[in-house]
PDB file of N, CA and C in Angstrom:
ATOM      1  N   MET A   1     -92.764  53.572 210.906  1.00  0.00           N
ATOM      2  CA  MET A   1     -93.325  53.139 211.576  1.00  0.00           C
ATOM      3  C   MET A   1     -94.645  51.813 210.815  1.00  0.00           C
ATOM      4  N   ALA A   2     -94.644  51.045 211.374  1.00  0.00           N
ATOM      5  CA  ALA A   2     -95.368  50.171 210.935  1.00  0.00           C
ATOM      6  C   ALA A   2     -96.975  50.498 211.002  1.00  0.00           C
ATOM      7  N   GLU A   3     -97.757  49.822 210.325  1.00  0.00           N
ATOM      8  CA  GLU A   3     -99.082  50.365 210.151  1.00  0.00           C
ATOM      9  C   GLU A   3    -100.275  50.326 211.669  1.00  0.00           C
ATOM     10  N   LEU A   4    -100.545  51.085 211.929  1.00  0.00           N
ATOM     11  CA  LEU A   4    -101.564  50.888 213.191  1.00  0.00           C
ATOM     12  C   LEU A   4    -103.016  51.103 212.666  1.00  0.00           C
ATOM     13  N   THR A   5    -103.839  49.904 213.117  1.00  0.00           N
ATOM     14  CA  THR A   5    -105.316  50.125 212.438  1.00  0.00           C
ATOM     15  C   THR A   5    -106.321  49.307 213.918  1.00  0.00           C
ATOM     16  N   ILE A   6    -107.120  49.874 213.527  1.00  0.00           N
ATOM     17  CA  ILE A   6    -108.306  50.337 214.619  1.00  0.00           C
ATOM     18  C   ILE A   6    -109.725  50.165 213.996  1.00  0.00           C
ATOM     19  N   TYR A   7    -110.134  48.574 214.293  1.00  0.00           N
ATOM     20  CA  TYR A   7    -111.446  48.341 213.852  1.00  0.00           C
ATOM     21  C   TYR A   7    -112.377  48.804 214.833  1.00  0.00           C
ATOM     22  N   HIS A   8    -113.106  49.945 214.326  1.00  0.00           N
ATOM     23  CA  HIS A   8    -113.871  50.908 215.579  1.00  0.00           C
ATOM     24  C   HIS A   8    -115.592  51.139 215.222  1.00  0.00           C
ATOM     25  N   ASN A   9    -116.036  51.666 216.149  1.00  0.00           N
ATOM     26  CA  ASN A   9    -117.047  51.660 216.186  1.00  0.00           C
ATOM     27  C   ASN A   9    -117.688  52.846 217.048  1.00  0.00           C
ATOM     28  N   GLN A  10    -117.655  54.089 216.417  1.00  0.00           N
ATOM     29  CA  GLN A  10    -118.012  55.304 216.635  1.00  0.00           C
ATOM     30  C   GLN A  10    -118.701  55.309 217.887  1.00  0.00           C
ATOM     31  N   THR A  11    -119.605  54.940 217.890  1.00  0.00           N
ATOM     32  CA  THR A  11    -120.886  54.924 219.261  1.00  0.00           C
ATOM     33  C   THR A  11    -120.246  54.155 220.437  1.00  0.00           C
ATOM     34  N   CYS A  12    -119.490  53.430 220.477  1.00  0.00           N
ATOM     35  CA  CYS A  12    -118.970  52.462 221.620  1.00  0.00           C
ATOM     36  C   CYS A  12    -117.680  53.105 222.348  1.00  0.00           C
ATOM     37  N   SER A  13    -117.924  53.285 223.655  1.00  0.00           N
ATOM     38  CA  SER A  13    -116.982  54.376 224.873  1.00  0.00           C
ATOM     39  C   SER A  13    -115.930  53.592 224.454  1.00  0.00           C
ATOM     40  N   LYS A  14    -115.457  52.126 224.732  1.00  0.00           N
ATOM     41  CA  LYS A  14    -114.294  51.570 224.709  1.00  0.00           C
ATOM     42  C   LYS A  14    -113.688  51.902 223.328  1.00  0.00           C
ATOM     43  N   SER A  15    -114.295  51.717 222.231  1.00  0.00           N
ATOM     44  CA  SER A  15    -113.522  52.479 220.999  1.00  0.00           C
ATOM     45  C   SER A  15    -113.366  53.347 221.284  1.00  0.00           C
ATOM     46  N   LEU A  16    -113.950  54.508 221.286  1.00  0.00           N
ATOM     47  CA  LEU A  16    -113.262  55.862 221.394  1.00  0.00           C
ATOM     48  C   LEU A  16    -112.217  56.170 222.493  1.00  0.00           C
ATOM     49  N   ALA A  17    -112.104  55.369 223.468  1.00  0.00           N
ATOM     50  CA  ALA A  17    -111.026  55.692 224.611  1.00  0.00           C
ATOM     51  C   ALA A  17    -109.915  54.815 224.257  1.00  0.00           C
ATOM     52  N   VAL A  18    -109.906  53.935 223.226  1.00  0.00           N
ATOM     53  CA  VAL A  18    -108.748  53.437 222.004  1.00  0.00           C
ATOM     54  C   VAL A  18    -108.249  54.286 221.717  1.00  0.00           C
ATOM     55  N   LEU A  19    -109.026  55.065 220.805  1.00  0.00           N
ATOM     56  CA  LEU A  19    -108.753  55.921 219.627  1.00  0.00           C
ATOM     57  C   LEU A  19    -108.209  57.233 220.376  1.00  0.00           C
ATOM     58  N   GLU A  20    -108.587  57.562 221.181  1.00  0.00           N
ATOM     59  CA  GLU A  20    -108.267  58.851 222.126  1.00  0.00           C
ATOM     60  C   GLU A  20    -107.136  58.453 222.738  1.00  0.00           C
ATOM     61  N   LEU A  21    -106.753  57.108 223.507  1.00  0.00           N
ATOM     62  CA  LEU A  21    -105.310  56.925 224.056  1.00  0.00           C
ATOM     63  C   LEU A  21    -104.466  56.773 223.357  1.00  0.00           C
ATOM     64  N   LEU A  22    -104.462  56.477 221.682  1.00  0.00           N
ATOM     65  CA  LEU A  22    -103.609  55.947 220.675  1.00  0.00           C
ATOM     66  C   LEU A  22    -103.037  57.811 220.147  1.00  0.00           C
ATOM     67  N   ARG A  23    -103.894  58.639 219.980  1.00  0.00           N
ATOM     68  CA  ARG A  23    -103.794  59.779 219.749  1.00  0.00           C
ATOM     69  C   ARG A  23    -103.112  60.603 220.672  1.00  0.00           C
ATOM     70  N   GLU A  24    -103.408  60.234 221.927  1.00  0.00           N
ATOM     71  CA  GLU A  24    -102.962  61.106 222.720  1.00  0.00           C
ATOM     72  C   GLU A  24    -101.385  61.000 223.164  1.00  0.00           C
ATOM     73  N   ALA A  25    -101.012  59.331 222.563  1.00  0.00           N
ATOM     74  CA  ALA A  25     -99.463  58.844 222.361  1.00  0.00           C
ATOM     75  C   ALA A  25     -98.695  59.694 221.280  1.00  0.00           C
ATOM     76  N   GLY A  26     -99.683  60.329 220.361  1.00  0.00           N
ATOM     77  CA  GLY A  26     -98.716  60.576 218.812  1.00  0.00           C
ATOM     78  C   GLY A  26     -98.934  59.564 217.777  1.00  0.00           C
ATOM     79  N   TYR A  27     -99.828  58.486 217.965  1.00  0.00           N
ATOM     80  CA  TYR A  27    -100.399  57.564 216.565  1.00  0.00           C
ATOM     81  C   TYR A  27    -101.563  58.681 216.036  1.00  0.00           C
ATOM     82  N   GLU A  28    -101.478  58.475 214.842  1.00  0.00           N
ATOM     83  CA  GLU A  28    -102.967  58.105 214.075  1.00  0.00           C
ATOM     84  C   GLU A  28    -103.478  56.874 212.966  1.00  0.00           C
ATOM     85  N   PRO A  29    -103.969  56.143 214.006  1.00  0.00           N
ATOM     86  CA  PRO A  29    -104.129  54.999 213.445  1.00  0.00           C
ATOM     87  C   PRO A  29    -105.496  55.045 212.038  1.00  0.00           C
ATOM     88  N   ARG A  30    -105.052  54.270 210.710  1.00  0.00           N
ATOM     89  CA  ARG A  30    -105.906  53.801 210.206  1.00  0.00           C
ATOM     90  C   ARG A  30    -107.331  53.273 210.698  1.00  0.00           C
ATOM     91  N   VAL A  31    -108.070  53.829 210.722  1.00  0.00           N
ATOM     92  CA  VAL A  31    -109.715  53.740 211.279  1.00  0.00           C
ATOM     93  C   VAL A  31    -110.164  53.456 210.197  1.00  0.00           C
ATOM     94  N   ILE A  32    -111.008  51.821 210.989  1.00  0.00           N
ATOM     95  CA  ILE A  32    -112.060  51.452 210.242  1.00  0.00           C
ATOM     96  C   ILE A  32    -113.536  51.069 210.713  1.00  0.00           C
ATOM     97  N   ASN A  33    -114.465  51.561 210.005  1.00  0.00           N
ATOM     98  CA  ASN A  33    -115.660  51.824 210.567  1.00  0.00           C
ATOM     99  C   ASN A  33    -115.973  50.117 210.053  1.00  0.00           C
ATOM    100  N   TYR A  34    -115.589  49.341 210.882  1.00  0.00           N
ATOM    101  CA  TYR A  34    -116.354  48.289 210.338  1.00  0.00           C
ATOM    102  C   TYR A  34    -117.589  47.922 209.924  1.00  0.00           C
ATOM    103  N   LEU A  35    -118.694  48.697 210.524  1.00  0.00           N
ATOM    104  CA  LEU A  35    -120.411  48.755 210.989  1.00  0.00           C
ATOM    105  C   LEU A  35    -120.488  49.154 209.045  1.00  0.00           C
ATOM    106  N   THR A  36    -119.693  49.737 208.612  1.00  0.00           N
ATOM    107  CA  THR A  36    -120.380  50.294 207.331  1.00  0.00           C
ATOM    108  C   THR A  36    -118.805  49.386 206.313  1.00  0.00           C
ATOM    109  N   LYS A  37    -117.824  49.155 206.769  1.00  0.00           N
ATOM    110  CA  LYS A  37    -117.018  48.806 205.808  1.00  0.00           C
ATOM    111  C   LYS A  37    -116.860  47.461 206.547  1.00  0.00           C
ATOM    112  N   THR A  38    -117.395  46.351 206.184  1.00  0.00           N
ATOM    113  CA  THR A  38    -117.317  45.033 207.371  1.00  0.00           C
ATOM    114  C   THR A  38    -116.423  44.215 206.439  1.00  0.00           C
ATOM    115  N   PRO A  39    -115.662  43.588 207.299  1.00  0.00           N
ATOM    116  CA  PRO A  39    -114.305  42.876 206.852  1.00  0.00           C
ATOM    117  C   PRO A  39    -114.983  41.308 206.851  1.00  0.00           C
ATOM    118  N   SER A  40    -114.650  40.653 205.485  1.00  0.00           N
ATOM    119  CA  SER A  40    -114.581  39.670 205.327  1.00  0.00           C
ATOM    120  C   SER A  40    -114.678  38.302 205.869  1.00  0.00           C
ATOM    121  N   GLN A  41    -114.849  37.307 205.838  1.00  0.00           N
ATOM    122  CA  GLN A  41    -114.458  36.046 206.645  1.00  0.00           C
ATOM    123  C   GLN A  41    -113.082  35.812 206.818  1.00  0.00           C
ATOM    124  N   ALA A  42    -112.428  35.815 205.629  1.00  0.00           N
ATOM    125  CA  ALA A  42    -111.209  35.528 205.395  1.00  0.00           C
ATOM    126  C   ALA A  42    -110.146  37.066 206.356  1.00  0.00           C
ATOM    127  N   GLU A  43    -110.927  37.962 206.091  1.00  0.00           N
ATOM    128  CA  GLU A  43    -110.167  39.080 206.947  1.00  0.00           C
ATOM    129  C   GLU A  43    -109.946  39.001 208.394  1.00  0.00           C
ATOM    130  N   LEU A  44    -111.682  38.838 208.634  1.00  0.00           N
ATOM    131  CA  LEU A  44    -111.813  38.183 210.445  1.00  0.00           C
ATOM    132  C   LEU A  44    -110.925  36.918 210.738  1.00  0.00           C
ATOM    133  N   ALA A  45    -110.948  36.256 209.797  1.00  0.00           N
ATOM    134  CA  ALA A  45    -109.571  34.768 210.166  1.00  0.00           C
ATOM    135  C   ALA A  45    -108.046  35.214 210.039  1.00  0.00           C
ATOM    136  N   SER A  46    -107.837  35.809 209.398  1.00  0.00           N
ATOM    137  CA  SER A  46    -106.486  36.619 209.099  1.00  0.00           C
ATOM    138  C   SER A  46    -106.107  37.088 210.624  1.00  0.00           C
ATOM    139  N   LEU A  47    -106.785  37.722 211.289  1.00  0.00           N
ATOM    140  CA  LEU A  47    -106.675  38.689 212.483  1.00  0.00           C
ATOM    141  C   LEU A  47    -105.586  37.519 213.617  1.00  0.00           C
ATOM    142  N   GLY A  48    -105.817  36.453 213.330  1.00  0.00           N
ATOM    143  CA  GLY A  48    -105.386  35.425 214.285  1.00  0.00           C
ATOM    144  C   GLY A  48    -106.163  35.542 215.748  1.00  0.00           C
ATOM    145  N   LEU A  49    -107.155  36.041 216.229  1.00  0.00           N
ATOM    146  CA  LEU A  49    -107.650  35.973 217.196  1.00  0.00           C
ATOM    147  C   LEU A  49    -109.090  34.875 217.253  1.00  0.00           C
ATOM    148  N   ASN A  50    -108.891  34.314 218.827  1.00  0.00           N
ATOM    149  CA  ASN A  50    -110.170  33.340 218.597  1.00  0.00           C
ATOM    150  C   ASN A  50    -111.285  33.839 218.255  1.00  0.00           C
ATOM    151  N   ALA A  51    -112.129  32.513 217.570  1.00  0.00           N
ATOM    152  CA  ALA A  51    -113.092  33.304 217.011  1.00  0.00           C
ATOM    153  C   ALA A  51    -114.194  33.903 218.096  1.00  0.00           C
ATOM    154  N   LYS A  52    -114.503  32.644 218.906  1.00  0.00           N
ATOM    155  CA  LYS A  52    -115.108  32.922 219.918  1.00  0.00           C
ATOM    156  C   LYS A  52    -114.745  34.449 221.008  1.00  0.00           C
ATOM    157  N   ASP A  53    -113.537  34.595 220.610  1.00  0.00           N
ATOM    158  CA  ASP A  53    -113.579  35.680 221.315  1.00  0.00           C
ATOM    159  C   ASP A  53    -113.973  37.099 220.845  1.00  0.00           C
ATOM    160  N   LEU A  54    -114.176  37.146 219.037  1.00  0.00           N
ATOM    161  CA  LEU A  54    -114.409  38.315 218.134  1.00  0.00           C
ATOM    162  C   LEU A  54    -116.186  38.197 218.344  1.00  0.00           C
ATOM    163  N   LEU A  55    -116.752  37.195 218.885  1.00  0.00           N
ATOM    164  CA  LEU A  55    -118.304  37.118 219.209  1.00  0.00           C
ATOM    165  C   LEU A  55    -118.467  38.064 220.105  1.00  0.00           C
ATOM    166  N   ARG A  56    -119.347  38.928 219.668  1.00  0.00           N
ATOM    167  CA  ARG A  56    -120.252  40.029 221.186  1.00  0.00           C
ATOM    168  C   ARG A  56    -121.096  39.507 221.613  1.00  0.00           C
ATOM    169  N   SER A  57    -121.053  38.802 222.836  1.00  0.00           N
ATOM    170  CA  SER A  57    -121.995  37.821 223.326  1.00  0.00           C
ATOM    171  C   SER A  57    -123.002  38.953 224.097  1.00  0.00           C
ATOM    172  N   THR A  58    -122.668  39.926 224.291  1.00  0.00           N
ATOM    173  CA  THR A  58    -123.752  41.058 225.059  1.00  0.00           C
ATOM    174  C   THR A  58    -124.615  41.666 224.238  1.00  0.00           C
ATOM    175  N   ASP A  59    -124.688  41.586 223.261  1.00  0.00           N
ATOM    176  CA  ASP A  59    -125.308  42.356 221.789  1.00  0.00           C
ATOM    177  C   ASP A  59    -126.658  41.527 221.955  1.00  0.00           C
ATOM    178  N   GLN A  60    -127.694  42.609 221.550  1.00  0.00           N
ATOM    179  CA  GLN A  60    -129.038  42.038 221.979  1.00  0.00           C
ATOM    180  C   GLN A  60    -129.362  41.095 220.581  1.00  0.00           C
ATOM    181  N   LEU A  61    -128.721  41.349 219.248  1.00  0.00           N
ATOM    182  CA  LEU A  61    -128.942  40.693 218.370  1.00  0.00           C
ATOM    183  C   LEU A  61    -128.169  39.182 218.640  1.00  0.00           C
ATOM    184  N   TYR A  62    -127.310  39.149 219.530  1.00  0.00           N
ATOM    185  CA  TYR A  62    -126.813  37.523 219.849  1.00  0.00           C
ATOM    186  C   TYR A  62    -127.921  37.147 220.514  1.00  0.00           C
ATOM    187  N   THR A  63    -128.817  37.435 221.327  1.00  0.00           N
ATOM    188  CA  THR A  63    -129.813  36.649 222.105  1.00  0.00           C
ATOM    189  C   THR A  63    -130.800  36.669 221.351  1.00  0.00           C
ATOM    190  N   ASP A  64    -130.898  37.214 220.473  1.00  0.00           N
ATOM    191  CA  ASP A  64    -132.561  37.318 219.253  1.00  0.00           C
ATOM    192  C   ASP A  64    -132.010  36.385 218.226  1.00  0.00           C
ATOM    193  N   LEU A  65    -130.986  36.304 217.777  1.00  0.00           N
ATOM    194  CA  LEU A  65    -130.466  35.023 216.847  1.00  0.00           C
ATOM    195  C   LEU A  65    -130.654  33.480 217.562  1.00  0.00           C
ATOM    196  N   GLU A  66    -130.581  33.377 218.984  1.00  0.00           N
ATOM    197  CA  GLU A  66    -130.525  31.987 219.748  1.00  0.00           C
ATOM    198  C   GLU A  66    -129.672  30.778 218.770  1.00  0.00           C
ATOM    199  N   LEU A  67    -128.310  31.554 219.042  1.00  0.00           N
ATOM    200  CA  LEU A  67    -127.324  30.837 218.407  1.00  0.00           C
ATOM    201  C   LEU A  67    -126.969  29.750 219.356  1.00  0.00           C
ATOM    202  N   PRO A  68    -126.327  28.618 218.708  1.00  0.00           N
ATOM    203  CA  PRO A  68    -125.999  27.165 219.384  1.00  0.00           C
ATOM    204  C   PRO A  68    -124.597  27.572 220.239  1.00  0.00           C
ATOM    205  N   GLU A  69    -124.354  27.019 220.982  1.00  0.00           N
ATOM    206  CA  GLU A  69    -123.015  27.148 221.558  1.00  0.00           C
ATOM    207  C   GLU A  69    -122.051  26.253 221.031  1.00  0.00           C
ATOM    208  N   ASP A  70    -122.188  25.533 219.658  1.00  0.00           N
ATOM    209  CA  ASP A  70    -121.293  24.635 219.559  1.00  0.00           C
ATOM    210  C   ASP A  70    -120.429  25.354 217.636  1.00  0.00           C
ATOM    211  N   LEU A  71    -120.703  26.672 218.028  1.00  0.00           N
ATOM    212  CA  LEU A  71    -120.908  26.981 216.535  1.00  0.00           C
ATOM    213  C   LEU A  71    -119.239  26.658 216.122  1.00  0.00           C
ATOM    214  N   SER A  72    -119.038  26.636 215.040  1.00  0.00           N
ATOM    215  CA  SER A  72    -117.458  26.318 214.104  1.00  0.00           C
ATOM    216  C   SER A  72    -116.600  27.949 214.142  1.00  0.00           C
ATOM    217  N   ASP A  73    -115.332  27.764 214.297  1.00  0.00           N
ATOM    218  CA  ASP A  73    -114.971  29.236 213.878  1.00  0.00           C
ATOM    219  C   ASP A  73    -115.358  29.843 212.584  1.00  0.00           C
ATOM    220  N   GLN A  74    -115.680  28.691 211.479  1.00  0.00           N
ATOM    221  CA  GLN A  74    -115.968  29.235 210.236  1.00  0.00           C
ATOM    222  C   GLN A  74    -117.168  29.722 210.372  1.00  0.00           C
ATOM    223  N   GLU A  75    -118.223  29.293 210.857  1.00  0.00           N
ATOM    224  CA  GLU A  75    -119.426  29.680 211.120  1.00  0.00           C
ATOM    225  C   GLU A  75    -119.508  30.879 211.701  1.00  0.00           C
ATOM    226  N   ILE A  76    -118.523  31.263 212.652  1.00  0.00           N
ATOM    227  CA  ILE A  76    -118.709  32.356 213.374  1.00  0.00           C
ATOM    228  C   ILE A  76    -118.213  33.444 212.461  1.00  0.00           C
ATOM    229  N   PHE A  77    -116.759  33.066 211.774  1.00  0.00           N
ATOM    230  CA  PHE A  77    -116.796  34.299 211.008  1.00  0.00           C
ATOM    231  C   PHE A  77    -117.283  34.598 210.269  1.00  0.00           C
ATOM    232  N   ALA A  78    -118.425  33.512 209.646  1.00  0.00           N
ATOM    233  CA  ALA A  78    -119.372  33.996 208.807  1.00  0.00           C
ATOM    234  C   ALA A  78    -120.582  34.541 208.950  1.00  0.00           C
ATOM    235  N   LEU A  79    -120.662  34.451 210.628  1.00  0.00           N
ATOM    236  CA  LEU A  79    -121.838  35.229 211.236  1.00  0.00           C
ATOM    237  C   LEU A  79    -121.341  36.610 211.764  1.00  0.00           C
ATOM    238  N   LEU A  80    -120.244  37.090 211.548  1.00  0.00           N
ATOM    239  CA  LEU A  80    -119.769  38.304 211.820  1.00  0.00           C
ATOM    240  C   LEU A  80    -119.789  39.215 210.590  1.00  0.00           C
ATOM    241  N   ALA A  81    -119.208  38.290 209.532  1.00  0.00           N
ATOM    242  CA  ALA A  81    -119.206  39.189 208.433  1.00  0.00           C
ATOM    243  C   ALA A  81    -120.312  39.347 208.007  1.00  0.00           C
ATOM    244  N   GLU A  82    -121.709  38.777 208.179  1.00  0.00           N
ATOM    245  CA  GLU A  82    -123.159  38.933 207.854  1.00  0.00           C
ATOM    246  C   GLU A  82    -123.950  40.120 208.904  1.00  0.00           C
ATOM    247  N   HIS A  83    -123.289  40.049 210.227  1.00  0.00           N
ATOM    248  CA  HIS A  83    -123.782  40.499 211.314  1.00  0.00           C
ATOM    249  C   HIS A  83    -122.626  40.954 211.667  1.00  0.00           C
ATOM    250  N   PRO A  84    -122.213  42.370 211.592  1.00  0.00           N
ATOM    251  CA  PRO A  84    -120.875  43.509 211.815  1.00  0.00           C
ATOM    252  C   PRO A  84    -120.814  43.658 213.165  1.00  0.00           C
ATOM    253  N   SER A  85    -122.273  43.908 213.544  1.00  0.00           N
ATOM    254  CA  SER A  85    -122.515  44.737 215.074  1.00  0.00           C
ATOM    255  C   SER A  85    -122.238  43.626 216.013  1.00  0.00           C
ATOM    256  N   LEU A  86    -121.769  42.202 215.374  1.00  0.00           N
ATOM    257  CA  LEU A  86    -121.730  41.355 216.784  1.00  0.00           C
ATOM    258  C   LEU A  86    -120.262  41.192 216.873  1.00  0.00           C
ATOM    259  N   ILE A  87    -119.160  41.959 216.110  1.00  0.00           N
ATOM    260  CA  ILE A  87    -118.005  42.138 216.070  1.00  0.00           C
ATOM    261  C   ILE A  87    -117.287  42.828 217.809  1.00  0.00           C
ATOM    262  N   GLU A  88    -116.808  41.816 218.682  1.00  0.00           N
ATOM    263  CA  GLU A  88    -116.451  42.673 219.670  1.00  0.00           C
ATOM    264  C   GLU A  88    -115.232  43.724 219.582  1.00  0.00           C
ATOM    265  N   ARG A  89    -115.380  44.759 220.312  1.00  0.00           N
ATOM    266  CA  ARG A  89    -114.576  45.925 219.500  1.00  0.00           C
ATOM    267  C   ARG A  89    -114.047  46.471 221.021  1.00  0.00           C
ATOM    268  N   PRO A  90    -113.109  47.109 220.795  1.00  0.00           N
ATOM    269  CA  PRO A  90    -112.203  47.717 219.542  1.00  0.00           C
ATOM    270  C   PRO A  90    -111.169  46.638 219.231  1.00  0.00           C
ATOM    271  N   ILE A  91    -110.668  46.092 217.985  1.00  0.00           N
ATOM    272  CA  ILE A  91    -109.665  45.687 217.647  1.00  0.00           C
ATOM    273  C   ILE A  91    -108.503  46.227 217.179  1.00  0.00           C
ATOM    274  N   VAL A  92    -107.244  46.309 217.451  1.00  0.00           N
ATOM    275  CA  VAL A  92    -106.201  47.284 217.397  1.00  0.00           C
ATOM    276  C   VAL A  92    -104.895  46.267 216.549  1.00  0.00           C
ATOM    277  N   VAL A  93    -104.448  46.389 215.397  1.00  0.00           N
ATOM    278  CA  VAL A  93    -103.794  45.654 214.541  1.00  0.00           C
ATOM    279  C   VAL A  93    -102.345  46.415 214.477  1.00  0.00           C
ATOM    280  N   TYR A  94    -101.292  46.141 215.239  1.00  0.00           N
ATOM    281  CA  TYR A  94    -100.236  46.583 214.988  1.00  0.00           C
ATOM    282  C   TYR A  94     -99.003  45.630 214.935  1.00  0.00           C
ATOM    283  N   LYS A  95     -98.123  45.802 214.098  1.00  0.00           N
ATOM    284  CA  LYS A  95     -96.735  44.934 213.370  1.00  0.00           C
ATOM    285  C   LYS A  95     -97.224  43.364 213.091  1.00  0.00           C
ATOM    286  N   GLY A  96     -98.492  43.359 212.573  1.00  0.00           N
ATOM    287  CA  GLY A  96     -98.956  41.858 212.362  1.00  0.00           C
ATOM    288  C   GLY A  96     -99.856  41.251 213.396  1.00  0.00           C
ATOM    289  N   GLN A  97     -99.930  41.669 214.684  1.00  0.00           N
ATOM    290  CA  GLN A  97    -100.626  41.241 215.737  1.00  0.00           C
ATOM    291  C   GLN A  97    -101.989  42.258 215.826  1.00  0.00           C
ATOM    292  N   ALA A  98    -102.740  41.310 216.472  1.00  0.00           N
ATOM    293  CA  ALA A  98    -104.521  41.811 216.538  1.00  0.00           C
ATOM    294  C   ALA A  98    -104.419  41.957 217.915  1.00  0.00           C
ATOM    295  N   LEU A  99    -105.324  42.788 218.509  1.00  0.00           N
ATOM    296  CA  LEU A  99    -105.549  42.361 220.344  1.00  0.00           C
ATOM    297  C   LEU A  99    -106.944  43.152 220.140  1.00  0.00           C
ATOM    298  N   ILE A 100    -108.203  42.628 220.847  1.00  0.00           N
ATOM    299  CA  ILE A 100    -109.161  43.158 221.323  1.00  0.00           C
ATOM    300  C   ILE A 100    -108.976  43.923 222.583  1.00  0.00           C
ATOM    301  N   CYS A 101    -109.175  45.221 222.514  1.00  0.00           N
ATOM    302  CA  CYS A 101    -108.426  45.996 223.260  1.00  0.00           C
ATOM    303  C   CYS A 101    -109.621  46.877 224.602  1.00  0.00           C
ATOM    304  N   ARG A 102    -109.760  45.889 225.458  1.00  0.00           N
ATOM    305  CA  ARG A 102    -111.268  45.596 226.258  1.00  0.00           C
ATOM    306  C   ARG A 102    -110.547  44.988 227.826  1.00  0.00           C
ATOM    307  N   PRO A 103    -110.058  45.788 228.579  1.00  0.00           N
ATOM    308  CA  PRO A 103    -110.527  47.392 228.542  1.00  0.00           C
ATOM    309  C   PRO A 103    -109.358  48.257 227.712  1.00  0.00           C
ATOM    310  N   PRO A 104    -109.585  49.357 227.365  1.00  0.00           N
ATOM    311  CA  PRO A 104    -108.781  50.185 226.688  1.00  0.00           C
ATOM    312  C   PRO A 104    -107.397  50.272 226.795  1.00  0.00           C
ATOM    313  N   GLU A 105    -107.157  49.994 228.155  1.00  0.00           N
ATOM    314  CA  GLU A 105    -105.628  50.304 228.369  1.00  0.00           C
ATOM    315  C   GLU A 105    -105.154  48.848 227.966  1.00  0.00           C
ATOM    316  N   ARG A 106    -105.416  47.936 227.572  1.00  0.00           N
ATOM    317  CA  ARG A 106    -104.832  46.573 226.796  1.00  0.00           C
ATOM    318  C   ARG A 106    -104.411  47.201 225.626  1.00  0.00           C
ATOM    319  N   VAL A 107    -104.825  48.355 225.095  1.00  0.00           N
ATOM    320  CA  VAL A 107    -103.903  48.736 223.648  1.00  0.00           C
ATOM    321  C   VAL A 107    -102.342  48.905 224.310  1.00  0.00           C
ATOM    322  N   TRP A 108    -101.641  48.940 225.189  1.00  0.00           N
ATOM    323  CA  TRP A 108    -100.266  49.057 225.582  1.00  0.00           C
ATOM    324  C   TRP A 108     -99.831  47.997 225.632  1.00  0.00           C
ATOM    325  N   GLU A 109    -100.359  46.848 225.566  1.00  0.00           N
ATOM    326  CA  GLU A 109     -99.476  45.654 225.390  1.00  0.00           C
ATOM    327  C   GLU A 109     -99.304  45.124 223.800  1.00  0.00           C
ATOM    328  N   LEU A 110     -99.839  45.908 223.018  1.00  0.00           N
ATOM    329  CA  LEU A 110     -99.541  45.846 221.341  1.00  0.00           C
ATOM    330  C   LEU A 110     -98.573  47.106 221.234  1.00  0.00           C
ATOM    331  N   VAL A 111     -99.014  48.160 221.451  1.00  0.00           N
ATOM    332  CA  VAL A 111     -98.484  49.416 220.999  1.00  0.00           C
ATOM    333  C   VAL A 111     -97.763  50.006 222.217  1.00  0.00           C
ATOM    334  N   GLU A 112     -96.220  50.503 221.993  1.00  0.00           N
ATOM    335  CA  GLU A 112     -95.827  51.139 222.715  1.00  0.00           C
ATOM    336  C   GLU A 112     -95.961  52.701 223.212  1.00  0.00           C
ATOM    337  N   LYS A 113     -96.016  53.175 224.350  1.00  0.00           N
ATOM    338  CA  LYS A 113     -96.320  54.459 224.538  1.00  0.00           C
ATOM    339  C   LYS A 113     -95.235  55.485 223.703  1.00  0.00           C
ATOM    340  N   THR A 114     -95.885  56.073 223.756  1.00  0.00           N
ATOM    341  CA  THR A 114     -94.362  57.113 222.591  1.00  0.00           C
ATOM    342  C   THR A 114     -94.122  58.735 223.695  1.00  0.00           C
TER     343      THR A 114
END
């Protein structure tokens, strides 16, 4: 079976729900707590996701930073590497594809139910 990875925040209900769905379906993903093991700019870029989609604009820090709306992808990846709480979650990676699983049931677009 291809490696299944979840970039996880253990205090996020959506992230917890995705992890539970995967485990109930028989998967045991590699869990990366991205708040303690922050992905680098290169790792974030390699996910192949839209940089703006990765940016959690509902986080209070996002508002506090008063960020311009025209950030480049590289600027967003650098910001996320510096402030991992701004990474949208949960991100699931399977067979070389990544997906932000909001709502949690989106995980089935990427991973087959078993």
